[in-house]
Protein backbone atom coordinates (compact mmCIF):
# COMPACT_ATOMS: atom_id res chain seq x y z
CA MET A 1 57.51 84.32 135.54
CA LYS A 2 56.93 81.43 137.98
CA TYR A 3 56.21 78.82 135.36
CA PHE A 4 59.55 79.36 133.61
CA SER A 5 61.54 79.37 136.84
CA LYS A 6 60.62 75.72 137.43
CA ILE A 7 61.78 74.46 134.03
CA SER A 8 65.34 74.26 132.76
CA LEU A 9 66.05 75.54 129.27
CA CYS A 10 67.51 73.13 126.73
CA VAL A 11 69.97 74.05 123.98
CA VAL A 12 70.96 71.20 121.67
CA THR A 13 73.82 71.16 119.18
CA VAL A 14 73.79 69.15 115.96
CA PHE A 15 76.20 68.99 113.06
CA LEU A 16 75.15 69.91 109.56
CA THR A 17 76.80 69.82 106.17
CA ILE A 18 75.76 73.02 104.41
CA ALA A 19 76.09 73.39 100.68
CA PRO A 20 77.44 76.84 99.81
CA THR A 21 75.18 79.45 98.25
CA PHE A 22 76.18 80.54 94.78
CA VAL A 23 74.88 82.85 92.09
CA GLY A 24 72.98 81.04 89.37
CA ALA A 25 71.89 78.19 91.61
CA THR A 26 69.56 75.50 90.35
CA SER A 27 65.80 76.07 90.30
CA GLU A 28 63.56 75.30 93.26
CA GLU A 29 62.72 71.90 91.78
CA SER A 30 66.37 70.84 91.35
CA PRO A 31 68.24 69.74 94.48
CA ILE A 32 71.65 71.23 95.28
CA LYS A 33 74.25 68.47 95.38
CA ILE A 34 77.46 70.28 96.23
CA PRO A 35 79.75 68.95 98.97
CA GLY A 36 80.08 71.34 101.91
CA THR A 37 81.90 71.39 105.22
CA LYS A 38 80.56 70.35 108.60
CA VAL A 39 79.68 73.24 110.89
CA GLU A 40 78.18 73.34 114.35
CA ILE A 41 74.47 74.16 114.39
CA LYS A 42 72.48 74.88 117.54
CA LEU A 43 68.81 74.13 117.95
CA HIS A 44 66.42 76.61 119.56
CA PRO A 45 66.11 76.64 123.37
CA THR A 46 63.02 74.82 124.64
CA LEU A 47 61.33 74.27 128.00
CA GLY A 48 62.75 70.81 128.69
CA THR A 49 63.06 67.42 127.03
CA ASP A 50 59.62 66.13 128.10
CA LYS A 51 57.40 68.04 125.70
CA VAL A 52 54.24 66.17 126.72
CA SER A 53 54.64 67.21 130.36
CA VAL A 54 55.43 70.79 129.33
CA LYS A 55 52.25 70.89 127.25
CA ASN A 56 50.04 69.37 129.95
CA ASN A 57 51.42 71.71 132.61
CA ALA A 58 50.91 74.71 130.33
CA MET A 59 47.26 73.89 129.71
CA LYS A 60 46.74 74.16 133.48
CA ALA A 61 49.11 77.07 134.19
CA HIS A 62 47.72 79.20 131.36
CA LYS A 63 44.06 78.17 131.45
CA ASP A 64 42.95 81.72 132.27
CA ALA A 65 45.01 83.16 129.41
CA ILE A 66 43.63 80.56 127.01
CA ALA A 67 40.08 81.57 127.93
CA ILE A 68 40.93 85.28 127.52
CA VAL A 69 42.50 84.67 124.10
CA ASN A 70 39.44 82.69 122.97
CA LYS A 71 37.12 85.47 124.12
CA TYR A 72 39.27 88.18 122.50
CA TYR A 73 39.25 86.56 119.05
CA LEU A 74 35.55 85.74 119.23
CA GLU A 75 34.51 89.26 120.21
CA LYS A 76 36.91 91.19 117.96
CA TYR A 77 37.08 88.99 114.87
CA GLY A 78 34.22 86.50 115.22
CA ILE A 79 36.75 83.67 115.19
CA VAL A 80 36.27 80.50 117.24
CA LEU A 81 39.75 79.19 118.04
CA ASP A 82 40.62 75.51 118.18
CA VAL A 83 42.97 75.35 121.19
CA ASN A 84 45.90 73.19 120.10
CA LEU A 85 49.32 74.23 121.37
CA ASP A 86 51.01 72.25 118.58
CA ASP A 87 49.02 73.83 115.76
CA ARG A 88 51.04 76.49 113.94
CA GLU A 89 47.98 78.61 113.20
CA TYR A 90 46.99 78.64 116.87
CA GLN A 91 50.55 79.50 117.89
CA ASN A 92 50.52 82.44 115.48
CA LYS A 93 47.19 83.67 116.82
CA VAL A 94 48.60 83.72 120.35
CA MET A 95 51.91 85.29 119.30
CA MET A 96 50.11 88.01 117.35
CA LEU A 97 48.70 89.33 120.60
CA GLY A 98 52.23 89.96 121.86
CA THR A 99 52.27 93.40 120.23
CA ALA A 100 48.52 94.02 119.91
CA ALA A 101 46.97 97.02 121.65
CA MET A 102 44.38 94.84 123.46
CA ASP A 103 42.65 98.03 124.59
CA THR A 104 39.42 96.17 125.39
CA LEU A 105 41.15 94.07 128.05
CA SER A 106 42.02 94.85 131.66
CA ASP A 107 45.62 95.16 132.81
CA LYS A 108 45.28 91.83 134.60
CA GLU A 109 44.03 90.11 131.44
CA ILE A 110 46.85 91.61 129.37
CA LYS A 111 49.42 90.34 131.88
CA GLU A 112 47.98 86.82 131.62
CA ILE A 113 48.14 86.95 127.83
CA ILE A 114 51.74 88.23 127.82
CA LYS A 115 52.78 85.33 130.08
CA PHE A 116 51.13 82.96 127.61
CA VAL A 117 52.81 84.69 124.65
CA LYS A 118 56.23 84.26 126.27
CA PHE A 119 55.49 80.62 126.95
CA MET A 120 54.43 80.12 123.34
CA ASP A 121 57.60 81.83 122.11
CA ARG A 122 59.55 78.98 123.71
CA TYR A 123 57.06 76.20 123.08
CA GLU A 124 56.96 76.81 119.33
CA ASN A 125 60.66 75.96 119.27
CA TYR A 126 59.86 72.25 119.58
CA GLY A 127 58.26 72.39 116.13
CA LYS A 128 61.06 74.53 114.71
CA ASN A 129 63.68 72.10 115.98
CA ASP A 130 61.84 69.12 114.49
CA LYS A 131 61.85 70.88 111.12
CA ILE A 132 65.54 71.79 111.43
CA VAL A 133 66.46 68.15 112.12
CA LYS A 134 64.42 66.94 109.13
CA MET A 135 66.01 69.53 106.86
CA LYS A 136 69.44 68.54 108.16
CA GLU A 137 68.80 64.95 107.14
CA LYS A 138 67.65 66.08 103.72
CA ASN A 139 70.72 68.26 103.35
CA ASP A 140 73.02 65.40 104.35
CA ASN A 141 71.55 63.47 101.43
CA GLY A 142 72.26 66.39 99.09
CA GLN A 143 68.57 67.13 98.53
CA LEU A 144 68.01 70.68 99.78
CA THR A 145 66.71 72.94 97.04
CA ALA A 146 67.78 76.57 96.78
CA GLU A 147 64.43 77.68 98.24
CA GLU A 148 64.66 75.16 101.08
CA LYS A 149 68.16 76.31 101.94
CA MET A 150 66.92 79.88 102.39
CA GLU A 151 64.02 78.60 104.49
CA PHE A 152 66.45 76.57 106.56
CA GLU A 153 68.64 79.59 107.24
CA GLU A 154 65.55 81.54 108.36
CA LEU A 155 64.69 78.73 110.81
CA LEU A 156 68.09 78.52 112.49
CA PRO A 157 68.71 80.24 115.84
CA ILE A 158 70.52 83.56 115.70
CA GLU A 159 72.80 85.45 118.04
CA ILE A 160 71.42 88.89 118.86
CA ASP A 161 74.54 90.97 119.35
CA GLN A 162 73.05 94.15 120.80
CA TYR A 163 69.75 95.40 122.18
CA THR A 164 68.48 98.98 122.31
CA GLU A 165 67.98 100.19 125.89
CA GLU A 166 66.13 103.02 127.63
CA THR A 167 68.61 105.80 128.51
CA GLY A 168 66.95 108.92 127.10
CA SER A 169 65.68 112.05 128.79
CA ASP A 170 62.32 113.62 128.04
CA VAL A 171 63.63 115.81 125.22
CA PRO A 172 61.93 115.50 121.81
CA THR A 173 64.24 114.08 119.13
CA PHE A 174 62.67 115.66 116.08
CA SER A 175 64.44 115.93 112.75
CA THR A 176 63.87 118.73 110.26
CA THR A 177 65.48 116.61 107.56
CA ALA A 178 63.11 114.65 105.34
CA VAL A 179 65.72 113.03 103.11
CA PHE A 180 68.97 112.01 104.78
CA ALA A 181 72.42 111.91 103.20
CA ASN A 182 72.03 108.22 102.37
CA GLY A 183 68.88 108.98 100.35
CA TYR A 184 66.41 107.64 102.91
CA ASP A 185 63.21 109.71 103.12
CA GLN A 186 61.72 109.18 106.59
CA ILE A 187 58.53 111.06 105.72
CA ALA A 188 57.88 108.96 102.61
CA ALA A 189 58.41 105.78 104.65
CA ARG A 190 56.11 107.09 107.39
CA ASP A 191 53.37 108.09 104.97
CA TYR A 192 53.48 104.73 103.18
CA ALA A 193 53.19 102.86 106.48
CA ARG A 194 50.24 104.99 107.57
CA LYS A 195 48.47 104.53 104.25
CA TRP A 196 48.65 100.75 104.35
CA THR A 197 47.53 100.24 107.95
CA SER A 198 43.88 101.17 107.86
CA ASN A 199 42.70 97.92 109.51
CA THR A 200 40.40 97.30 106.55
CA GLU A 201 40.46 94.57 103.94
CA LYS A 202 40.41 97.22 101.23
CA LEU A 203 43.78 98.73 102.13
CA ARG A 204 45.47 95.90 103.98
CA ASN A 205 48.16 95.37 101.35
CA ASN A 206 49.49 97.12 98.28
CA THR A 207 48.65 95.06 95.18
CA GLN A 208 52.10 95.90 93.79
CA PHE A 209 53.44 93.32 96.27
CA PRO A 210 51.22 90.26 95.67
CA TYR A 211 53.67 87.43 96.37
CA TYR A 212 52.57 86.47 99.89
CA SER A 213 48.86 86.81 99.15
CA ARG A 214 49.25 84.43 96.21
CA LEU A 215 51.47 82.05 98.15
CA ASN A 216 49.00 81.74 101.02
CA ASN A 217 45.93 81.89 98.75
CA CYS A 218 44.36 84.55 100.93
CA TYR A 219 44.43 88.27 101.54
CA SER A 220 45.15 88.71 105.23
CA CYS A 221 45.66 85.30 106.86
CA TRP A 222 49.44 85.36 107.02
CA TRP A 223 52.15 86.85 109.21
CA ASP A 224 52.90 90.10 107.39
CA CYS A 225 54.87 92.33 109.77
CA THR A 226 58.28 92.21 108.10
CA ASN A 227 56.98 92.32 104.52
CA PHE A 228 55.03 95.46 105.46
CA VAL A 229 58.07 97.16 107.03
CA SER A 230 60.22 96.27 104.01
CA GLN A 231 57.66 97.91 101.72
CA SER A 232 57.79 101.05 103.86
CA LEU A 233 61.60 101.14 103.70
CA MET A 234 61.49 100.74 99.93
CA ALA A 235 58.99 103.62 99.73
CA GLY A 236 61.49 105.65 101.74
CA GLY A 237 64.22 105.01 99.21
CA MET A 238 66.08 102.00 100.57
CA ARG A 239 67.61 100.15 97.64
CA HIS A 240 67.44 96.46 96.88
CA LEU A 241 70.63 94.50 97.41
CA GLY A 242 71.44 91.19 95.77
CA TYR A 243 74.04 88.43 95.91
CA ASP A 244 75.16 87.35 99.41
CA GLN A 245 73.78 90.45 101.21
CA THR A 246 70.25 90.17 99.86
CA TRP A 247 67.21 92.30 100.56
CA TYR A 248 64.79 92.58 97.66
CA TYR A 249 61.23 92.03 96.49
CA SER A 250 60.23 89.99 93.44
CA ASN A 251 56.81 88.70 92.43
CA SER A 252 58.44 85.34 91.78
CA GLY A 253 59.80 85.28 95.33
CA PRO A 254 61.41 87.95 97.54
CA SER A 255 64.48 87.38 99.67
CA TYR A 256 63.87 85.88 103.10
CA SER A 257 65.23 89.11 104.59
CA TRP A 258 62.30 90.92 102.94
CA GLY A 259 59.57 88.95 104.70
CA GLY A 260 61.24 86.95 107.48
CA ALA A 261 61.88 88.63 110.84
CA ASN A 262 65.04 86.64 111.56
CA SER A 263 66.60 87.21 108.16
CA PHE A 264 65.56 90.88 108.24
CA TYR A 265 67.52 91.25 111.47
CA LYS A 266 70.57 89.47 110.07
CA HIS A 267 70.57 91.79 107.04
CA TRP A 268 69.83 95.14 108.69
CA LYS A 269 72.05 94.76 111.77
CA ASN A 270 74.97 94.83 109.33
CA ARG A 271 73.52 97.50 107.04
CA ALA A 272 72.30 99.99 109.66
CA PRO A 273 73.66 100.79 113.13
CA VAL A 274 71.73 99.26 116.01
CA ALA A 275 70.80 102.16 118.29
CA GLY A 276 72.32 101.97 121.74
CA SER A 277 69.38 103.78 123.31
CA HIS A 278 65.72 104.46 122.56
CA SER A 279 66.46 108.18 122.48
CA ALA A 280 68.44 107.71 119.24
CA LEU A 281 65.39 106.37 117.40
CA ARG A 282 63.26 108.66 115.24
CA THR A 283 60.47 108.60 112.67
CA GLY A 284 61.25 106.13 109.88
CA ASP A 285 63.46 103.91 112.03
CA VAL A 286 62.57 100.24 112.41
CA VAL A 287 62.39 98.11 115.54
CA SER A 288 62.48 94.35 116.01
CA THR A 289 61.53 92.57 119.20
CA ASN A 290 62.21 89.27 120.92
CA TYR A 291 59.39 88.27 123.27
CA ASP A 292 61.28 85.89 125.54
CA THR A 293 64.98 86.40 124.69
CA ASP A 294 65.22 83.08 122.89
CA ALA A 295 67.27 82.75 119.74
CA ASP A 296 65.01 84.44 117.20
CA ILE A 297 63.20 87.68 116.35
CA ASP A 298 59.42 87.62 116.79
CA HIS A 299 58.13 90.86 115.29
CA THR A 300 59.06 93.95 113.24
CA ALA A 301 57.45 97.42 113.15
CA ILE A 302 58.26 100.97 112.01
CA ILE A 303 58.22 104.21 114.04
CA THR A 304 55.84 106.69 112.41
CA LYS A 305 55.52 109.29 115.17
CA ASN A 306 58.19 110.55 117.53
CA ASP A 307 57.21 112.95 120.30
CA SER A 308 59.74 112.10 123.02
CA SER A 309 63.18 110.58 123.43
CA TYR A 310 61.65 108.04 125.81
CA ALA A 311 60.44 104.69 124.48
CA SER A 312 56.90 105.80 125.30
CA GLY A 313 57.19 108.54 122.66
CA LYS A 314 58.14 106.23 119.79
CA TRP A 315 54.78 105.37 118.18
CA LEU A 316 54.62 102.20 116.09
CA THR A 317 52.81 101.25 112.91
CA GLN A 318 52.67 97.58 111.97
CA HIS A 319 50.91 94.65 110.35
CA THR A 320 49.75 91.47 112.11
CA ASP A 321 48.00 92.80 114.14
CA ASP A 322 47.40 95.79 111.78
CA MET A 323 47.68 99.02 113.78
CA GLU A 324 48.61 102.65 113.23
CA GLU A 325 50.19 104.35 116.24
CA LYS A 326 48.22 102.51 118.92
CA THR A 327 51.29 101.20 120.74
CA THR A 328 54.83 102.46 121.36
CA VAL A 329 58.27 101.02 121.88
CA GLY A 330 57.48 101.67 125.54
CA THR A 331 54.50 99.29 125.28
CA TRP A 332 56.87 96.53 124.22
CA VAL A 333 59.36 97.38 126.98
CA SER A 334 56.59 97.36 129.62
CA ARG A 335 55.67 93.83 128.51
CA GLY A 336 59.23 92.68 129.17
CA TYR A 337 60.40 92.41 125.56
CA LYS A 338 63.91 93.12 124.31
CA ILE A 339 64.20 95.67 121.49
CA VAL A 340 66.53 96.09 118.52
CA GLY A 341 66.24 99.51 116.87
CA TYR A 342 67.88 100.33 113.51
CA GLU A 343 69.04 103.87 112.68
CA MET A 344 67.95 104.03 109.06
CA ASP A 345 69.38 107.49 108.40
CA LYS A 346 72.84 105.93 108.83
CA ALA A 347 72.20 102.76 106.82
CA SER A 348 74.32 101.92 103.81
CA ASN A 349 72.30 102.62 100.70
């Protein structure tokens, strides 16, 4: 992408004193005041130190994409977007299109949007880094609450150890097993995902999992991809884990690994093998993606149909944008994204 080739990427290191996590921590209202040890913390890569210039250049370089995005949301959802690159809601609207089908757009228009999505994946890091620095200062004063500490860990950059690559041949990788040895039922997970992706307000989310709807005081205005996948895994028989390797849902507040794409990755890369190739993935497996190979995960979806060992045969079901089997892992690969696929039949359970 020409625009990126002209801008150097910045990675900044800061030092942070982190209070250790412990069972029976204080409530969200009570700050944790436990001495920790200094560790090296890296900020997210950005597009250069002069954010104002980056923003001004982007408004010119991506003016066509901005117009296409505006038109797309107006025609499909009746939404008039306020174009503000620093507004988190606008950033999310742009990023959501990264995995959308966009079947009403031309190939040229989709390419323009994907370039803009990749830009936004980096540009949003300015805001993330500002928040990390502020939370660092709060932590240094011994004022991070238990909830804030989990939020902070979700914000931090991660190291993605392994990606799943395309090496398969065109041989279907079907499984006649519904329930695997670890107790995971791929068909139950698939059926749950299909049921709760109807693209209607009526069935957008299972009322048994109301936490995020209550938190955001809305029904469908929030980034729901990882929460939706976690529900599907639970329906397939994946068990909650607590303590330091947490993945669980609670109406009073689920773990960050339940609803946060970064924390989901950090949990499941240790709990399930990361597939070396797309051909190893099957129905019921989960995939995460990184739009621009920066230091975080951008999206999570579940495979609900598998008719080839190629990435183009791994059909995805997801939330935000809510879709059932309209795109494949191959769609993501063709847009230049990196993929992490988890083999759920081999996960510890």
